[in-house]
Amino acid sequence: MYLMEPALIAKLLGQTRLVRPPQKLLSTFGATRIEYHLVSPVDDLPNKTRLREGRVVSERPSILTPELLQERFEGFGEDSREFSEWINARYRDVLRALEYRFKNLDLTTRVLSEDFHAIAGRIREDVDARQVAHAAVIECPDSAWSLALMNLTLEQAARSFPVNVKDLDARGMFAADRGQDARRRREVESLLERARTDPALREAAGRKLREYGLFSEYEDRFLALFGS
């Protein structure tokens, strides 16, 4: 596998066009599911289009959790490490204040015998007709589909960031006198993260959430430990 240079990543991103952006921001207090349609011309095959479809799940944003961007993306393709390093510099301020985690699910790929612009336009019309608020249509180079998808998620994070911060601040999540509460949240965050890969910790996580009175706030993440 070759390493993609920043200049090439920037060039590929410049060839990417967001035909239809999601109409709503990422949720502050719950997971967000984004339906995506990536439309790419197939290299050296005129009138052939590769269509990738699936959904990205954005977990509820968390405050001051580890910043390694590589761990925030799952299922985005073999080039995701190079892409994430490039994107990290661009979105550093957003990603350090709040952690946004994304998972790519249910990816399907098919090749169609039609111009990619026409396909993108038809999909946009269909998404608009279905009034899917969290849906995106993107035209991108075939080799840069994961970059285009990752960039979409972080553009959404950047757009949602001011509202998410405002919502969290309204609940006192950034208050200076939240010393004990902050320690408890860090403990819960760590326990939930470890419970993702160690089922034996799930019961302990549930007990700790109830003990600290945080179950309703972390309910989505806790229940997600038991299924997709």
Protein backbone atom coordinates (compact mmCIF):
# COMPACT_ATOMS: atom_id res chain seq x y z
CA MET A 1 0.00 0.00 0.00
CA TYR A 2 1.42 3.42 -0.95
CA LEU A 3 1.28 6.44 1.32
CA MET A 4 -0.76 9.30 -0.04
CA GLU A 5 0.96 12.69 0.03
CA PRO A 6 -0.89 15.73 1.47
CA ALA A 7 -0.75 17.49 -1.90
CA LEU A 8 -2.49 14.55 -3.59
CA ILE A 9 -5.11 14.37 -0.84
CA ALA A 10 -5.83 18.09 -1.28
CA LYS A 11 -6.09 17.61 -5.06
CA LEU A 12 -8.53 14.71 -4.70
CA LEU A 13 -10.61 16.63 -2.22
CA GLY A 14 -10.72 19.52 -4.68
CA GLN A 15 -12.28 17.14 -7.20
CA THR A 16 -15.00 16.17 -4.75
CA ARG A 17 -18.39 17.88 -4.94
CA LEU A 18 -21.12 17.80 -2.30
CA VAL A 19 -24.23 17.55 -4.47
CA ARG A 20 -26.66 17.34 -1.57
CA PRO A 21 -25.59 18.01 2.05
CA PRO A 22 -27.42 16.69 5.11
CA GLN A 23 -30.18 19.08 6.10
CA LYS A 24 -29.76 18.69 9.87
CA LEU A 25 -26.84 18.97 12.28
CA LEU A 26 -25.38 16.16 14.37
CA SER A 27 -27.33 15.51 17.54
CA THR A 28 -25.81 16.72 20.80
CA PHE A 29 -27.32 14.06 23.06
CA GLY A 30 -27.73 11.03 20.83
CA ALA A 31 -26.37 9.16 17.84
CA THR A 32 -26.91 10.49 14.31
CA ARG A 33 -27.24 8.23 11.25
CA ILE A 34 -26.26 9.77 7.92
CA GLU A 35 -27.39 8.05 4.73
CA TYR A 36 -24.77 8.56 2.01
CA HIS A 37 -24.49 8.05 -1.75
CA LEU A 38 -20.99 8.34 -3.25
CA VAL A 39 -20.96 8.63 -7.04
CA SER A 40 -17.66 8.13 -8.90
CA PRO A 41 -16.67 7.82 -12.57
CA VAL A 42 -14.81 4.55 -13.18
CA ASP A 43 -11.30 5.28 -14.44
CA ASP A 44 -10.72 4.45 -18.13
CA LEU A 45 -14.30 3.24 -18.59
CA PRO A 46 -16.49 5.92 -20.22
CA ASN A 47 -20.09 6.06 -19.05
CA LYS A 48 -19.40 3.68 -16.19
CA THR A 49 -20.17 4.85 -12.66
CA ARG A 50 -19.37 3.27 -9.32
CA LEU A 51 -22.05 3.89 -6.72
CA ARG A 52 -21.24 3.35 -3.05
CA GLU A 53 -24.06 3.59 -0.54
CA GLY A 54 -24.35 3.05 3.18
CA ARG A 55 -24.71 4.93 6.42
CA VAL A 56 -22.35 6.63 8.82
CA VAL A 57 -23.25 6.55 12.50
CA SER A 58 -21.99 9.55 14.47
CA GLU A 59 -21.95 8.85 18.19
CA ARG A 60 -23.00 11.62 20.56
CA PRO A 61 -20.11 14.10 20.98
CA SER A 62 -18.07 13.71 24.15
CA ILE A 63 -16.02 16.26 26.07
CA LEU A 64 -12.23 16.02 26.40
CA THR A 65 -11.63 12.42 25.41
CA PRO A 66 -8.47 11.02 23.68
CA GLU A 67 -7.54 12.85 20.47
CA LEU A 68 -6.06 10.15 18.25
CA LEU A 69 -8.09 10.66 15.09
CA GLN A 70 -7.19 7.23 13.69
CA GLU A 71 -9.37 5.64 16.39
CA ARG A 72 -12.39 7.76 15.48
CA PHE A 73 -13.06 6.07 12.15
CA GLU A 74 -14.04 2.46 11.50
CA GLY A 75 -14.72 0.88 8.12
CA PHE A 76 -13.57 3.79 5.93
CA GLY A 77 -11.07 1.89 3.77
CA GLU A 78 -7.36 1.15 3.70
CA ASP A 79 -6.30 4.77 3.09
CA SER A 80 -8.11 6.10 6.16
CA ARG A 81 -4.91 6.53 8.20
CA GLU A 82 -3.31 8.86 5.64
CA PHE A 83 -6.57 10.73 5.12
CA SER A 84 -7.16 11.10 8.86
CA GLU A 85 -3.71 12.55 9.48
CA TRP A 86 -4.33 15.19 6.81
CA ILE A 87 -7.83 15.98 8.06
CA ASN A 88 -6.69 16.12 11.69
CA ALA A 89 -4.68 19.29 11.04
CA ARG A 90 -7.64 20.94 9.33
CA TYR A 91 -10.14 20.19 12.11
CA ARG A 92 -7.77 20.19 15.10
CA ASP A 93 -9.64 22.81 17.16
CA VAL A 94 -13.01 21.12 16.75
CA LEU A 95 -11.70 17.65 17.49
CA ARG A 96 -9.84 18.71 20.63
CA ALA A 97 -12.79 20.48 22.24
CA LEU A 98 -15.31 17.72 21.54
CA GLU A 99 -14.72 14.19 20.41
CA TYR A 100 -16.79 13.02 17.46
CA ARG A 101 -16.62 9.31 16.62
CA PHE A 102 -17.86 7.91 13.32
CA LYS A 103 -18.53 4.38 12.12
CA ASN A 104 -19.17 3.44 8.48
CA LEU A 105 -21.78 0.69 8.17
CA ASP A 106 -23.60 -1.34 5.50
CA LEU A 107 -21.38 -0.24 2.59
CA THR A 108 -22.57 -1.57 -0.78
CA THR A 109 -20.93 -1.02 -4.16
CA ARG A 110 -22.22 -1.45 -7.69
CA VAL A 111 -21.25 -0.32 -11.19
CA LEU A 112 -23.85 1.36 -13.38
CA SER A 113 -23.78 2.09 -17.12
CA GLU A 114 -24.67 5.78 -16.98
CA ASP A 115 -22.98 9.16 -16.63
CA PHE A 116 -22.12 9.86 -12.98
CA HIS A 117 -23.53 13.41 -13.06
CA ALA A 118 -26.91 12.06 -14.17
CA ILE A 119 -26.90 9.41 -11.45
CA ALA A 120 -26.00 11.95 -8.76
CA GLY A 121 -28.80 14.24 -9.92
CA ARG A 122 -31.37 11.47 -9.87
CA ILE A 123 -30.34 10.32 -6.39
CA ARG A 124 -30.53 13.89 -5.12
CA GLU A 125 -34.08 14.19 -6.43
CA ASP A 126 -35.02 10.91 -4.77
CA VAL A 127 -33.51 11.91 -1.40
CA ASP A 128 -35.27 15.28 -1.55
CA ALA A 129 -38.57 13.61 -2.42
CA ARG A 130 -38.20 11.25 0.55
CA GLN A 131 -37.28 14.24 2.75
CA VAL A 132 -34.34 12.40 4.33
CA ALA A 133 -32.84 15.03 6.61
CA HIS A 134 -29.63 13.15 7.33
CA ALA A 135 -28.64 12.18 3.80
CA ALA A 136 -25.82 13.24 1.51
CA VAL A 137 -24.99 12.81 -2.19
CA ILE A 138 -21.34 13.26 -3.18
CA GLU A 139 -19.45 13.15 -6.48
CA CYS A 140 -15.84 12.10 -5.95
CA PRO A 141 -12.88 10.36 -7.62
CA ASP A 142 -13.15 6.59 -7.38
CA SER A 143 -9.87 6.30 -5.46
CA ALA A 144 -10.88 8.96 -2.92
CA TRP A 145 -14.25 7.69 -1.75
CA SER A 146 -13.13 7.24 1.88
CA LEU A 147 -11.56 10.71 1.93
CA ALA A 148 -14.80 12.20 0.61
CA LEU A 149 -16.86 10.35 3.22
CA MET A 150 -14.55 11.23 6.11
CA ASN A 151 -14.46 14.85 5.00
CA LEU A 152 -18.27 14.90 4.95
CA THR A 153 -18.48 13.67 8.54
CA LEU A 154 -16.01 16.26 9.78
CA GLU A 155 -17.69 19.05 7.85
CA GLN A 156 -20.85 18.03 9.70
CA ALA A 157 -18.95 18.05 12.99
CA ALA A 158 -17.63 21.55 12.24
CA ARG A 159 -21.13 22.80 11.40
CA SER A 160 -22.65 21.15 14.46
CA PHE A 161 -19.90 22.13 16.88
CA PRO A 162 -21.25 25.58 17.96
CA VAL A 163 -24.73 24.19 18.62
CA ASN A 164 -23.38 21.10 20.39
CA VAL A 165 -21.20 23.26 22.65
CA LYS A 166 -24.12 25.58 23.39
CA ASP A 167 -26.36 22.64 24.30
CA LEU A 168 -23.71 21.12 26.57
CA ASP A 169 -22.95 24.46 28.18
CA ALA A 170 -26.66 24.97 28.91
CA ARG A 171 -26.55 21.75 30.95
CA GLY A 172 -23.49 22.92 32.86
CA MET A 173 -21.17 20.43 31.22
CA PHE A 174 -18.32 22.97 30.97
CA ALA A 175 -18.79 24.53 34.43
CA ALA A 176 -15.54 25.18 36.32
CA ASP A 177 -16.92 23.80 39.60
CA ARG A 178 -17.72 20.38 38.18
CA GLY A 179 -14.59 18.75 39.66
CA GLN A 180 -16.18 15.62 41.09
CA ASP A 181 -18.68 15.40 38.25
CA ALA A 182 -15.87 15.68 35.71
CA ARG A 183 -13.92 12.90 37.40
CA ARG A 184 -16.98 10.69 37.42
CA ARG A 185 -17.61 11.34 33.75
CA ARG A 186 -14.01 10.51 32.88
CA GLU A 187 -14.34 7.27 34.83
CA VAL A 188 -17.60 6.41 33.03
CA GLU A 189 -16.16 7.32 29.62
CA SER A 190 -13.16 5.06 30.23
CA LEU A 191 -15.33 2.21 31.47
CA LEU A 192 -17.71 2.44 28.50
CA GLU A 193 -14.80 2.53 26.07
CA ARG A 194 -13.22 -0.59 27.58
CA ALA A 195 -16.61 -2.33 27.69
CA ARG A 196 -16.86 -2.02 23.90
CA THR A 197 -14.25 -4.78 23.58
CA ASP A 198 -14.68 -6.51 26.95
CA PRO A 199 -18.27 -7.73 27.54
CA ALA A 200 -17.38 -8.63 31.13
CA LEU A 201 -17.30 -4.91 31.95
CA ARG A 202 -20.81 -4.14 30.72
CA GLU A 203 -22.56 -4.98 34.01
CA ALA A 204 -20.03 -2.87 35.92
CA ALA A 205 -20.63 0.03 33.52
CA GLY A 206 -24.38 -0.16 34.13
CA ARG A 207 -23.91 -0.19 37.90
CA LYS A 208 -21.56 2.77 37.77
CA LEU A 209 -23.94 4.80 35.60
CA ARG A 210 -26.78 4.22 38.06
CA GLU A 211 -24.56 4.93 41.06
CA TYR A 212 -23.51 8.29 39.62
CA GLY A 213 -26.98 9.18 38.35
CA LEU A 214 -25.74 9.33 34.77
CA PHE A 215 -27.67 6.46 33.21
CA SER A 216 -30.19 8.58 31.28
CA GLU A 217 -27.41 10.71 29.81
CA TYR A 218 -25.31 7.73 28.69
CA GLU A 219 -28.18 5.37 27.96
CA ASP A 220 -27.64 5.32 24.16
CA ARG A 221 -23.96 4.48 24.48
CA PHE A 222 -24.63 1.86 27.16
CA LEU A 223 -27.32 0.09 25.14
CA ALA A 224 -25.07 0.23 22.05
CA LEU A 225 -22.71 -2.15 23.86
CA PHE A 226 -25.31 -4.89 23.40
CA GLY A 227 -25.91 -4.48 19.69
CA SER A 228 -25.40 -2.36 16.54
